[in-house]
Amino acid sequence: MPELNTDLSSGTTSAKRNSWREANPTAILKRVIDDNPDASYEVIRDRTRAIIRGREKWWSEQLETIFEYWCWNNYRRLSKAPPLTPEERAAQKAASDAAAAAIRQQIEAKIGERVQIALLEMILPSGKPLRESTREELVDLGGWAQRVAEEMQPGQTVADAGMTEERLRDLYGQGEP
């Protein structure tokens, strides 16, 4: 089974303009291939189609992406349009790079929203979670742990001090430039 190219670098091919769309069947196809490594093309095709059709809103968006890809490729092939000049290619690449950067930024923001470190559960060099660490252990660590320790009484653990995730994040953020 051939490996699917999932390179995110920009390029000058016409597929780039559609591969960055949210409604892009490539990601679904890749997942089906990964989940069914020994399946035939026909099985992969049918399972991919079933997933896409199962998402009513997506189906029309997927078809729009596919149509634009098909239309662009065939337009360039069938029309008398001259080849792109180096300047046009550069402008096309710049637009593609900008679109890719915007998508990357959106992805990073979504990841940041969904994945946050649970600071209270973070394991410290002592082998204990932050919530069970005492003021004295945090003083020894220094850095942002020192700021946490400054809000605690001697011998008190982070949990005993009633430190919340929100407060720990505030203290953690105070060390950023």
C-alpha atoms as a PDB file:
ATOM      1  CA  MET A   1       0.000   0.000   0.000  1.00  0.00           C
ATOM      2  CA  PRO A   2       1.600   3.367  -0.983  1.00  0.00           C
ATOM      3  CA  GLU A   3       2.243   5.854   1.796  1.00  0.00           C
ATOM      4  CA  LEU A   4       0.134   9.018   1.752  1.00  0.00           C
ATOM      5  CA  ASN A   5       2.117  12.256   1.502  1.00  0.00           C
ATOM      6  CA  THR A   6       1.155  14.457   4.441  1.00  0.00           C
ATOM      7  CA  ASP A   7       3.848  17.108   3.919  1.00  0.00           C
ATOM      8  CA  LEU A   8       2.641  20.495   5.180  1.00  0.00           C
ATOM      9  CA  SER A   9       5.190  22.584   3.312  1.00  0.00           C
ATOM     10  CA  SER A  10       3.860  25.025   0.773  1.00  0.00           C
ATOM     11  CA  GLY A  11       4.443  24.590  -2.898  1.00  0.00           C
ATOM     12  CA  THR A  12       3.287  25.719  -6.287  1.00  0.00           C
ATOM     13  CA  THR A  13       0.978  22.845  -7.180  1.00  0.00           C
ATOM     14  CA  SER A  14      -2.698  23.563  -7.561  1.00  0.00           C
ATOM     15  CA  ALA A  15      -3.608  20.995  -4.914  1.00  0.00           C
ATOM     16  CA  LYS A  16      -2.170  23.275  -2.209  1.00  0.00           C
ATOM     17  CA  ARG A  17      -5.017  25.760  -2.549  1.00  0.00           C
ATOM     18  CA  ASN A  18      -7.560  23.095  -1.526  1.00  0.00           C
ATOM     19  CA  SER A  19      -5.527  20.922   0.820  1.00  0.00           C
ATOM     20  CA  TRP A  20      -5.629  23.647   3.482  1.00  0.00           C
ATOM     21  CA  ARG A  21      -9.397  23.818   3.509  1.00  0.00           C
ATOM     22  CA  GLU A  22     -11.117  22.477   6.598  1.00  0.00           C
ATOM     23  CA  ALA A  23     -13.391  20.403   4.390  1.00  0.00           C
ATOM     24  CA  ASN A  24     -10.585  18.343   2.931  1.00  0.00           C
ATOM     25  CA  PRO A  25     -11.182  14.644   2.345  1.00  0.00           C
ATOM     26  CA  THR A  26      -7.440  13.887   2.486  1.00  0.00           C
ATOM     27  CA  ALA A  27      -7.362  13.760   6.282  1.00  0.00           C
ATOM     28  CA  ILE A  28     -10.268  11.322   6.317  1.00  0.00           C
ATOM     29  CA  LEU A  29      -8.648   9.168   3.631  1.00  0.00           C
ATOM     30  CA  LYS A  30      -5.364   9.122   5.576  1.00  0.00           C
ATOM     31  CA  ARG A  31      -7.128   7.962   8.740  1.00  0.00           C
ATOM     32  CA  VAL A  32      -8.962   5.182   6.851  1.00  0.00           C
ATOM     33  CA  ILE A  33      -5.682   4.029   5.270  1.00  0.00           C
ATOM     34  CA  ASP A  34      -3.921   4.074   8.646  1.00  0.00           C
ATOM     35  CA  ASP A  35      -6.775   2.165  10.291  1.00  0.00           C
ATOM     36  CA  ASN A  36      -6.929  -0.427   7.469  1.00  0.00           C
ATOM     37  CA  PRO A  37      -3.339  -0.954   6.269  1.00  0.00           C
ATOM     38  CA  ASP A  38      -4.064  -4.206   4.437  1.00  0.00           C
ATOM     39  CA  ALA A  39      -7.352  -3.183   2.810  1.00  0.00           C
ATOM     40  CA  SER A  40      -7.762  -2.926  -0.947  1.00  0.00           C
ATOM     41  CA  TYR A  41      -8.279   0.355  -2.762  1.00  0.00           C
ATOM     42  CA  GLU A  42     -11.979  -0.443  -3.157  1.00  0.00           C
ATOM     43  CA  VAL A  43     -12.448  -1.019   0.588  1.00  0.00           C
ATOM     44  CA  ILE A  44     -10.556   2.177   1.434  1.00  0.00           C
ATOM     45  CA  ARG A  45     -12.568   4.152  -1.130  1.00  0.00           C
ATOM     46  CA  ASP A  46     -15.911   2.828   0.117  1.00  0.00           C
ATOM     47  CA  ARG A  47     -15.122   3.394   3.803  1.00  0.00           C
ATOM     48  CA  THR A  48     -13.885   6.917   3.107  1.00  0.00           C
ATOM     49  CA  ARG A  49     -17.018   7.710   1.087  1.00  0.00           C
ATOM     50  CA  ALA A  50     -19.235   6.362   3.896  1.00  0.00           C
ATOM     51  CA  ILE A  51     -17.528   8.552   6.508  1.00  0.00           C
ATOM     52  CA  ILE A  52     -17.802  11.670   4.376  1.00  0.00           C
ATOM     53  CA  ARG A  53     -21.430  11.002   3.420  1.00  0.00           C
ATOM     54  CA  GLY A  54     -22.247  10.405   7.087  1.00  0.00           C
ATOM     55  CA  ARG A  55     -21.452  14.042   7.762  1.00  0.00           C
ATOM     56  CA  GLU A  56     -24.268  15.801   5.940  1.00  0.00           C
ATOM     57  CA  LYS A  57     -22.837  19.294   6.279  1.00  0.00           C
ATOM     58  CA  TRP A  58     -19.393  18.110   5.254  1.00  0.00           C
ATOM     59  CA  TRP A  59     -20.583  16.250   2.170  1.00  0.00           C
ATOM     60  CA  SER A  60     -21.382  19.439   0.248  1.00  0.00           C
ATOM     61  CA  GLU A  61     -18.188  21.130   1.498  1.00  0.00           C
ATOM     62  CA  GLN A  62     -16.141  18.095   0.484  1.00  0.00           C
ATOM     63  CA  LEU A  63     -17.704  18.119  -2.960  1.00  0.00           C
ATOM     64  CA  GLU A  64     -16.921  21.825  -3.307  1.00  0.00           C
ATOM     65  CA  THR A  65     -13.258  21.187  -2.467  1.00  0.00           C
ATOM     66  CA  ILE A  66     -13.077  18.277  -4.889  1.00  0.00           C
ATOM     67  CA  PHE A  67     -14.793  20.301  -7.617  1.00  0.00           C
ATOM     68  CA  GLU A  68     -12.412  23.239  -7.220  1.00  0.00           C
ATOM     69  CA  TYR A  69      -9.409  20.916  -7.368  1.00  0.00           C
ATOM     70  CA  TRP A  70     -10.763  19.191 -10.459  1.00  0.00           C
ATOM     71  CA  CYS A  71     -11.785  22.443 -12.137  1.00  0.00           C
ATOM     72  CA  TRP A  72      -8.445  24.173 -11.524  1.00  0.00           C
ATOM     73  CA  ASN A  73      -6.416  21.246 -12.824  1.00  0.00           C
ATOM     74  CA  ASN A  74      -8.555  20.789 -15.894  1.00  0.00           C
ATOM     75  CA  TYR A  75      -8.877  24.498 -16.608  1.00  0.00           C
ATOM     76  CA  ARG A  76      -5.095  24.873 -16.726  1.00  0.00           C
ATOM     77  CA  ARG A  77      -4.843  21.778 -18.939  1.00  0.00           C
ATOM     78  CA  LEU A  78      -7.670  22.613 -21.354  1.00  0.00           C
ATOM     79  CA  SER A  79      -7.498  26.386 -21.643  1.00  0.00           C
ATOM     80  CA  LYS A  80      -5.161  28.440 -23.713  1.00  0.00           C
ATOM     81  CA  ALA A  81      -3.991  30.225 -20.571  1.00  0.00           C
ATOM     82  CA  PRO A  82      -0.280  30.886 -20.700  1.00  0.00           C
ATOM     83  CA  PRO A  83       1.938  29.277 -18.069  1.00  0.00           C
ATOM     84  CA  LEU A  84       2.365  31.271 -14.890  1.00  0.00           C
ATOM     85  CA  THR A  85       5.201  33.760 -14.883  1.00  0.00           C
ATOM     86  CA  PRO A  86       7.850  33.535 -12.134  1.00  0.00           C
ATOM     87  CA  GLU A  87       6.213  36.547 -10.463  1.00  0.00           C
ATOM     88  CA  GLU A  88       2.785  34.884 -10.559  1.00  0.00           C
ATOM     89  CA  ARG A  89       4.270  31.680  -9.131  1.00  0.00           C
ATOM     90  CA  ALA A  90       5.943  33.697  -6.361  1.00  0.00           C
ATOM     91  CA  ALA A  91       2.670  35.464  -5.558  1.00  0.00           C
ATOM     92  CA  GLN A  92       0.830  32.130  -5.560  1.00  0.00           C
ATOM     93  CA  LYS A  93       3.456  30.638  -3.216  1.00  0.00           C
ATOM     94  CA  ALA A  94       3.249  33.663  -0.893  1.00  0.00           C
ATOM     95  CA  ALA A  95      -0.539  33.319  -0.725  1.00  0.00           C
ATOM     96  CA  SER A  96      -0.216  29.605  -0.057  1.00  0.00           C
ATOM     97  CA  ASP A  97       2.373  30.226   2.673  1.00  0.00           C
ATOM     98  CA  ALA A  98       0.121  32.840   4.287  1.00  0.00           C
ATOM     99  CA  ALA A  99      -2.854  30.472   4.212  1.00  0.00           C
ATOM    100  CA  ALA A 100      -0.735  27.684   5.703  1.00  0.00           C
ATOM    101  CA  ALA A 101       0.526  29.998   8.461  1.00  0.00           C
ATOM    102  CA  ALA A 102      -3.033  31.059   9.295  1.00  0.00           C
ATOM    103  CA  ILE A 103      -4.183  27.438   9.476  1.00  0.00           C
ATOM    104  CA  ARG A 104      -1.194  26.486  11.631  1.00  0.00           C
ATOM    105  CA  GLN A 105      -2.037  29.344  13.976  1.00  0.00           C
ATOM    106  CA  GLN A 106      -5.669  28.186  14.209  1.00  0.00           C
ATOM    107  CA  ILE A 107      -4.539  24.623  14.898  1.00  0.00           C
ATOM    108  CA  GLU A 108      -2.106  25.763  17.585  1.00  0.00           C
ATOM    109  CA  ALA A 109      -4.839  27.858  19.217  1.00  0.00           C
ATOM    110  CA  LYS A 110      -7.238  24.896  19.237  1.00  0.00           C
ATOM    111  CA  ILE A 111      -4.562  22.653  20.690  1.00  0.00           C
ATOM    112  CA  GLY A 112      -3.856  25.260  23.352  1.00  0.00           C
ATOM    113  CA  GLU A 113      -7.549  25.372  24.253  1.00  0.00           C
ATOM    114  CA  ARG A 114      -7.894  21.599  24.480  1.00  0.00           C
ATOM    115  CA  VAL A 115      -4.596  20.569  25.974  1.00  0.00           C
ATOM    116  CA  GLN A 116      -3.484  22.267  29.130  1.00  0.00           C
ATOM    117  CA  ILE A 117      -1.023  20.936  31.621  1.00  0.00           C
ATOM    118  CA  ALA A 118      -2.696  20.142  34.917  1.00  0.00           C
ATOM    119  CA  LEU A 119      -0.151  21.935  37.077  1.00  0.00           C
ATOM    120  CA  LEU A 120      -1.451  20.411  40.305  1.00  0.00           C
ATOM    121  CA  GLU A 121      -0.742  16.943  38.878  1.00  0.00           C
ATOM    122  CA  MET A 122       2.670  17.824  37.428  1.00  0.00           C
ATOM    123  CA  ILE A 123       5.380  15.525  38.799  1.00  0.00           C
ATOM    124  CA  LEU A 124       8.288  17.447  40.271  1.00  0.00           C
ATOM    125  CA  PRO A 125      11.929  16.286  40.507  1.00  0.00           C
ATOM    126  CA  SER A 126      11.114  14.964  43.984  1.00  0.00           C
ATOM    127  CA  GLY A 127       8.848  12.390  42.302  1.00  0.00           C
ATOM    128  CA  LYS A 128       5.722  13.854  43.914  1.00  0.00           C
ATOM    129  CA  PRO A 129       2.905  15.760  42.249  1.00  0.00           C
ATOM    130  CA  LEU A 130       2.922  19.515  42.826  1.00  0.00           C
ATOM    131  CA  ARG A 131      -0.259  19.248  44.930  1.00  0.00           C
ATOM    132  CA  GLU A 132       1.598  17.089  47.508  1.00  0.00           C
ATOM    133  CA  SER A 133       4.765  19.208  47.576  1.00  0.00           C
ATOM    134  CA  THR A 134       5.589  21.316  50.600  1.00  0.00           C
ATOM    135  CA  ARG A 135       6.584  24.941  50.730  1.00  0.00           C
ATOM    136  CA  GLU A 136      10.176  23.945  51.527  1.00  0.00           C
ATOM    137  CA  GLU A 137      10.427  21.641  48.500  1.00  0.00           C
ATOM    138  CA  LEU A 138       9.181  24.409  46.249  1.00  0.00           C
ATOM    139  CA  VAL A 139      11.641  26.948  47.685  1.00  0.00           C
ATOM    140  CA  ASP A 140      14.467  24.544  46.807  1.00  0.00           C
ATOM    141  CA  LEU A 141      13.228  24.323  43.186  1.00  0.00           C
ATOM    142  CA  GLY A 142      13.286  28.075  42.636  1.00  0.00           C
ATOM    143  CA  GLY A 143      11.790  29.756  39.575  1.00  0.00           C
ATOM    144  CA  TRP A 144       8.016  29.835  39.385  1.00  0.00           C
ATOM    145  CA  ALA A 145       7.836  27.204  42.162  1.00  0.00           C
ATOM    146  CA  GLN A 146       9.425  29.857  44.417  1.00  0.00           C
ATOM    147  CA  ARG A 147       6.500  32.188  43.646  1.00  0.00           C
ATOM    148  CA  VAL A 148       4.077  29.410  44.633  1.00  0.00           C
ATOM    149  CA  ALA A 149       5.996  28.805  47.869  1.00  0.00           C
ATOM    150  CA  GLU A 150       5.770  32.498  48.778  1.00  0.00           C
ATOM    151  CA  GLU A 151       1.981  32.112  49.065  1.00  0.00           C
ATOM    152  CA  MET A 152       2.200  29.137  51.447  1.00  0.00           C
ATOM    153  CA  GLN A 153       2.907  28.663  55.154  1.00  0.00           C
ATOM    154  CA  PRO A 154       5.925  26.596  56.344  1.00  0.00           C
ATOM    155  CA  GLY A 155       5.203  22.848  56.213  1.00  0.00           C
ATOM    156  CA  GLN A 156       2.050  23.358  54.168  1.00  0.00           C
ATOM    157  CA  THR A 157       1.438  21.440  50.917  1.00  0.00           C
ATOM    158  CA  VAL A 158       0.095  23.103  47.792  1.00  0.00           C
ATOM    159  CA  ALA A 159      -3.230  21.287  48.314  1.00  0.00           C
ATOM    160  CA  ASP A 160      -3.390  22.372  51.977  1.00  0.00           C
ATOM    161  CA  ALA A 161      -2.805  25.961  50.876  1.00  0.00           C
ATOM    162  CA  GLY A 162      -5.870  25.696  48.617  1.00  0.00           C
ATOM    163  CA  MET A 163      -3.962  26.632  45.467  1.00  0.00           C
ATOM    164  CA  THR A 164      -6.140  26.363  42.368  1.00  0.00           C
ATOM    165  CA  GLU A 165      -5.089  25.610  38.792  1.00  0.00           C
ATOM    166  CA  GLU A 166      -6.053  29.156  37.885  1.00  0.00           C
ATOM    167  CA  ARG A 167      -3.842  30.668  40.598  1.00  0.00           C
ATOM    168  CA  LEU A 168      -0.942  28.375  39.659  1.00  0.00           C
ATOM    169  CA  ARG A 169      -1.277  29.447  36.027  1.00  0.00           C
ATOM    170  CA  ASP A 170      -1.225  33.103  37.098  1.00  0.00           C
ATOM    171  CA  LEU A 171       1.958  32.514  39.069  1.00  0.00           C
ATOM    172  CA  TYR A 172       3.484  30.531  36.213  1.00  0.00           C
ATOM    173  CA  GLY A 173       2.654  33.309  33.761  1.00  0.00           C
ATOM    174  CA  GLN A 174       4.313  35.982  35.926  1.00  0.00           C
ATOM    175  CA  GLY A 175       7.722  34.607  34.959  1.00  0.00           C
ATOM    176  CA  GLU A 176       7.197  35.179  31.228  1.00  0.00           C
ATOM    177  CA  PRO A 177       8.933  38.203  29.673  1.00  0.00           C
END
